C-alpha atoms as a PDB file:
ATOM      1  CA  MET A   1      59.184  16.712  -0.793  1.00  0.00           C
ATOM      2  CA  GLN A   2      58.051  15.419   2.219  1.00  0.00           C
ATOM      3  CA  TYR A   3      60.663  13.239   4.313  1.00  0.00           C
ATOM      4  CA  PHE A   4      58.890  10.547   6.785  1.00  0.00           C
ATOM      5  CA  VAL A   5      61.522  10.676   9.574  1.00  0.00           C
ATOM      6  CA  ASP A   6      61.318  10.842  13.376  1.00  0.00           C
ATOM      7  CA  THR A   7      63.860  13.576  14.700  1.00  0.00           C
ATOM      8  CA  ALA A   8      65.667  16.865  13.612  1.00  0.00           C
ATOM      9  CA  ASP A   9      68.727  15.026  13.098  1.00  0.00           C
ATOM     10  CA  GLN A  10      67.215  12.323  10.868  1.00  0.00           C
ATOM     11  CA  TYR A  11      65.530  15.187   8.540  1.00  0.00           C
ATOM     12  CA  MET A  12      68.889  16.623   7.868  1.00  0.00           C
ATOM     13  CA  ASP A  13      70.215  13.300   6.939  1.00  0.00           C
ATOM     14  CA  ALA A  14      67.736  12.754   4.130  1.00  0.00           C
ATOM     15  CA  ILE A  15      67.683  15.558   2.404  1.00  0.00           C
ATOM     16  CA  PRO A  16      69.942  15.826  -0.425  1.00  0.00           C
ATOM     17  CA  GLU A  17      73.507  16.568  -0.285  1.00  0.00           C
ATOM     18  CA  ASP A  18      73.556  19.772  -2.321  1.00  0.00           C
ATOM     19  CA  ARG A  19      71.055  21.143   0.392  1.00  0.00           C
ATOM     20  CA  LYS A  20      72.624  20.145   3.334  1.00  0.00           C
ATOM     21  CA  ALA A  21      75.130  23.143   3.768  1.00  0.00           C
ATOM     22  CA  PRO A  22      72.433  25.711   3.358  1.00  0.00           C
ATOM     23  CA  MET A  23      69.841  23.523   5.529  1.00  0.00           C
ATOM     24  CA  MET A  24      72.352  23.154   8.505  1.00  0.00           C
ATOM     25  CA  LYS A  25      73.221  27.262   7.939  1.00  0.00           C
ATOM     26  CA  LEU A  26      69.366  28.064   8.057  1.00  0.00           C
ATOM     27  CA  ARG A  27      68.898  25.647  11.121  1.00  0.00           C
ATOM     28  CA  LYS A  28      71.489  27.666  12.697  1.00  0.00           C
ATOM     29  CA  ALA A  29      70.654  30.583  12.472  1.00  0.00           C
ATOM     30  CA  ILE A  30      67.212  29.702  13.400  1.00  0.00           C
ATOM     31  CA  THR A  31      68.361  27.603  16.984  1.00  0.00           C
ATOM     32  CA  ASP A  32      71.261  30.471  17.726  1.00  0.00           C
ATOM     33  CA  ASN A  33      68.269  33.235  17.435  1.00  0.00           C
ATOM     34  CA  LEU A  34      65.071  32.021  18.301  1.00  0.00           C
ATOM     35  CA  PRO A  35      64.155  33.021  22.024  1.00  0.00           C
ATOM     36  CA  GLU A  36      64.087  30.321  24.992  1.00  0.00           C
ATOM     37  CA  GLY A  37      60.918  28.076  25.114  1.00  0.00           C
ATOM     38  CA  PHE A  38      60.347  26.841  21.736  1.00  0.00           C
ATOM     39  CA  SER A  39      61.224  23.213  20.465  1.00  0.00           C
ATOM     40  CA  GLU A  40      62.441  21.607  17.578  1.00  0.00           C
ATOM     41  CA  GLY A  41      60.981  18.496  16.098  1.00  0.00           C
ATOM     42  CA  VAL A  42      59.673  16.943  12.770  1.00  0.00           C
ATOM     43  CA  SER A  43      56.046  18.181  11.743  1.00  0.00           C
ATOM     44  CA  TYR A  44      54.421  17.768   8.697  1.00  0.00           C
ATOM     45  CA  GLY A  45      57.553  16.012   7.266  1.00  0.00           C
ATOM     46  CA  MET A  46      59.376  19.136   8.052  1.00  0.00           C
ATOM     47  CA  LEU A  47      61.929  20.584  10.360  1.00  0.00           C
ATOM     48  CA  GLY A  48      60.005  22.568  12.927  1.00  0.00           C
ATOM     49  CA  TRP A  49      59.912  24.621  15.903  1.00  0.00           C
ATOM     50  CA  ALA A  50      56.755  24.952  17.977  1.00  0.00           C
ATOM     51  CA  VAL A  51      55.758  25.836  21.391  1.00  0.00           C
ATOM     52  CA  PRO A  52      55.602  22.863  23.817  1.00  0.00           C
ATOM     53  CA  HIS A  53      52.608  21.449  25.703  1.00  0.00           C
ATOM     54  CA  SER A  54      54.625  22.283  28.908  1.00  0.00           C
ATOM     55  CA  LEU A  55      54.220  25.982  28.109  1.00  0.00           C
ATOM     56  CA  TYR A  56      50.530  25.834  25.787  1.00  0.00           C
ATOM     57  CA  PRO A  57      48.785  22.806  26.670  1.00  0.00           C
ATOM     58  CA  ALA A  58      46.244  23.311  24.568  1.00  0.00           C
ATOM     59  CA  GLY A  59      48.098  22.463  21.727  1.00  0.00           C
ATOM     60  CA  TYR A  60      47.175  23.140  17.993  1.00  0.00           C
ATOM     61  CA  HIS A  61      43.684  23.615  17.356  1.00  0.00           C
ATOM     62  CA  CYS A  62      43.511  21.334  14.003  1.00  0.00           C
ATOM     63  CA  ASP A  63      45.050  18.512  16.136  1.00  0.00           C
ATOM     64  CA  PRO A  64      45.526  19.289  20.334  1.00  0.00           C
ATOM     65  CA  LYS A  65      48.062  16.000  20.249  1.00  0.00           C
ATOM     66  CA  GLN A  66      50.604  18.565  18.338  1.00  0.00           C
ATOM     67  CA  ALA A  67      52.653  21.512  19.732  1.00  0.00           C
ATOM     68  CA  LEU A  68      51.557  24.923  18.619  1.00  0.00           C
ATOM     69  CA  PRO A  69      53.600  25.173  15.219  1.00  0.00           C
ATOM     70  CA  PHE A  70      55.971  28.244  14.912  1.00  0.00           C
ATOM     71  CA  LEU A  71      58.626  27.936  12.356  1.00  0.00           C
ATOM     72  CA  ALA A  72      59.519  25.320   9.676  1.00  0.00           C
ATOM     73  CA  ILE A  73      62.259  24.814   6.886  1.00  0.00           C
ATOM     74  CA  ALA A  74      61.796  22.254   4.350  1.00  0.00           C
ATOM     75  CA  SER A  75      63.774  20.779   1.368  1.00  0.00           C
ATOM     76  CA  GLN A  76      61.537  20.866  -1.599  1.00  0.00           C
ATOM     77  CA  LYS A  77      62.250  19.908  -5.005  1.00  0.00           C
ATOM     78  CA  ASN A  78      63.022  23.329  -6.365  1.00  0.00           C
ATOM     79  CA  PHE A  79      63.554  25.674  -3.424  1.00  0.00           C
ATOM     80  CA  ILE A  80      64.439  25.636  -0.050  1.00  0.00           C
ATOM     81  CA  ALA A  81      61.305  26.778   2.390  1.00  0.00           C
ATOM     82  CA  PHE A  82      60.900  28.703   5.678  1.00  0.00           C
ATOM     83  CA  TYR A  83      58.064  29.045   7.047  1.00  0.00           C
ATOM     84  CA  HIS A  84      57.197  31.805   9.978  1.00  0.00           C
ATOM     85  CA  MET A  85      53.743  31.729  11.871  1.00  0.00           C
ATOM     86  CA  GLY A  86      54.542  35.067  12.894  1.00  0.00           C
ATOM     87  CA  ILE A  87      54.733  36.761   9.686  1.00  0.00           C
ATOM     88  CA  TYR A  88      51.297  35.733   8.870  1.00  0.00           C
ATOM     89  CA  ALA A  89      49.673  36.344  12.012  1.00  0.00           C
ATOM     90  CA  ASP A  90      51.406  40.053  12.666  1.00  0.00           C
ATOM     91  CA  LYS A  91      51.082  42.335   9.540  1.00  0.00           C
ATOM     92  CA  GLU A  92      53.781  44.901  11.387  1.00  0.00           C
ATOM     93  CA  LEU A  93      56.366  42.154  11.366  1.00  0.00           C
ATOM     94  CA  HIS A  94      55.104  41.192   8.052  1.00  0.00           C
ATOM     95  CA  ASP A  95      55.447  44.776   6.763  1.00  0.00           C
ATOM     96  CA  TRP A  96      59.150  45.118   8.213  1.00  0.00           C
ATOM     97  CA  PHE A  97      60.200  41.530   6.854  1.00  0.00           C
ATOM     98  CA  VAL A  98      59.137  42.500   3.527  1.00  0.00           C
ATOM     99  CA  ALA A  99      60.904  46.157   3.720  1.00  0.00           C
ATOM    100  CA  GLU A 100      64.174  44.366   4.624  1.00  0.00           C
ATOM    101  CA  PHE A 101      64.306  41.634   2.553  1.00  0.00           C
ATOM    102  CA  PRO A 102      65.754  43.911  -0.474  1.00  0.00           C
ATOM    103  CA  LYS A 103      68.265  45.054   1.775  1.00  0.00           C
ATOM    104  CA  HIS A 104      69.560  41.468   2.094  1.00  0.00           C
ATOM    105  CA  SER A 105      69.122  39.960  -1.121  1.00  0.00           C
ATOM    106  CA  LYS A 106      69.440  40.921  -4.879  1.00  0.00           C
ATOM    107  CA  TYR A 107      66.572  38.356  -5.744  1.00  0.00           C
ATOM    108  CA  LYS A 108      62.787  39.172  -5.832  1.00  0.00           C
ATOM    109  CA  LEU A 109      61.038  38.130  -2.488  1.00  0.00           C
ATOM    110  CA  ASP A 110      59.252  34.730  -3.210  1.00  0.00           C
ATOM    111  CA  MET A 111      56.544  34.997  -0.344  1.00  0.00           C
ATOM    112  CA  GLY A 112      53.253  33.470   0.111  1.00  0.00           C
ATOM    113  CA  LYS A 113      51.075  33.796   3.514  1.00  0.00           C
ATOM    114  CA  SER A 114      53.632  32.444   5.779  1.00  0.00           C
ATOM    115  CA  CYS A 115      56.174  30.911   3.443  1.00  0.00           C
ATOM    116  CA  ILE A 116      59.211  32.147   1.959  1.00  0.00           C
ATOM    117  CA  ARG A 117      60.663  30.373  -0.894  1.00  0.00           C
ATOM    118  CA  PHE A 118      64.675  30.177  -1.820  1.00  0.00           C
ATOM    119  CA  LYS A 119      64.988  28.712  -5.230  1.00  0.00           C
ATOM    120  CA  LYS A 120      68.826  29.984  -4.821  1.00  0.00           C
ATOM    121  CA  PRO A 121      70.004  28.375  -1.617  1.00  0.00           C
ATOM    122  CA  ASP A 122      72.959  30.615  -1.645  1.00  0.00           C
ATOM    123  CA  ALA A 123      71.368  33.649  -1.529  1.00  0.00           C
ATOM    124  CA  ILE A 124      69.296  32.543   1.487  1.00  0.00           C
ATOM    125  CA  PRO A 125      69.981  36.197   3.708  1.00  0.00           C
ATOM    126  CA  PHE A 126      70.400  34.222   6.788  1.00  0.00           C
ATOM    127  CA  GLU A 127      71.567  37.462   8.840  1.00  0.00           C
ATOM    128  CA  LEU A 128      67.805  38.694   8.225  1.00  0.00           C
ATOM    129  CA  ILE A 129      66.218  35.156   8.754  1.00  0.00           C
ATOM    130  CA  ALA A 130      68.156  35.309  12.245  1.00  0.00           C
ATOM    131  CA  GLU A 131      66.941  38.668  12.909  1.00  0.00           C
ATOM    132  CA  LEU A 132      63.212  38.061  12.161  1.00  0.00           C
ATOM    133  CA  VAL A 133      63.340  34.632  14.316  1.00  0.00           C
ATOM    134  CA  GLY A 134      64.531  36.774  17.464  1.00  0.00           C
ATOM    135  CA  LYS A 135      61.477  39.070  17.126  1.00  0.00           C
ATOM    136  CA  MET A 136      58.628  37.169  18.617  1.00  0.00           C
ATOM    137  CA  THR A 137      58.748  35.090  21.924  1.00  0.00           C
ATOM    138  CA  PRO A 138      56.658  31.759  22.438  1.00  0.00           C
ATOM    139  CA  GLN A 139      54.181  33.762  24.782  1.00  0.00           C
ATOM    140  CA  GLN A 140      54.215  36.612  22.000  1.00  0.00           C
ATOM    141  CA  TRP A 141      53.093  33.796  19.731  1.00  0.00           C
ATOM    142  CA  ILE A 142      50.788  32.323  21.858  1.00  0.00           C
ATOM    143  CA  GLU A 143      48.814  35.751  22.399  1.00  0.00           C
ATOM    144  CA  LEU A 144      48.720  36.646  18.590  1.00  0.00           C
ATOM    145  CA  TYR A 145      47.526  32.675  17.658  1.00  0.00           C
ATOM    146  CA  GLU A 146      44.661  32.824  20.644  1.00  0.00           C
ATOM    147  CA  ASN A 147      43.621  36.484  19.481  1.00  0.00           C
ATOM    148  CA  ASN A 148      44.134  36.195  15.406  1.00  0.00           C
ATOM    149  CA  LEU A 149      44.088  32.347  14.179  1.00  0.00           C
ATOM    150  CA  LYS A 150      42.491  30.078  16.865  1.00  0.00           C
ATOM    151  CA  ARG A 151      38.972  29.050  15.516  1.00  0.00           C
END
């Protein structure tokens, strides 16, 4: 579900009550472990983290007015979504995450290219997410983006 809000705090206020605690815990796992340089905001109706224009003036190739997106979390209708562009762009990071996931969860990994869906909010592997988000700096993401994704 998209929330038409302007700030991260407004996003958190707008989500359903039963999602607030796991979303707050997920947000904290990200903000406590994300390398310095990423900025938090709302993009595409989700709570996201991006490389700001001050570090990457070119911005996102689809819309250069937007900062370069990196992570996002969203309270969807049937699940909580966690988006990590690094696992889409870096096969080694993807393979590491896929191998680690069963060590942290008894549930099957429900994953798309960059989206991980958690249908049971109480089963989110917060420690694994914290470790994952700490593995890539803004500069590393910029290099990956320019080498692999930017068209």
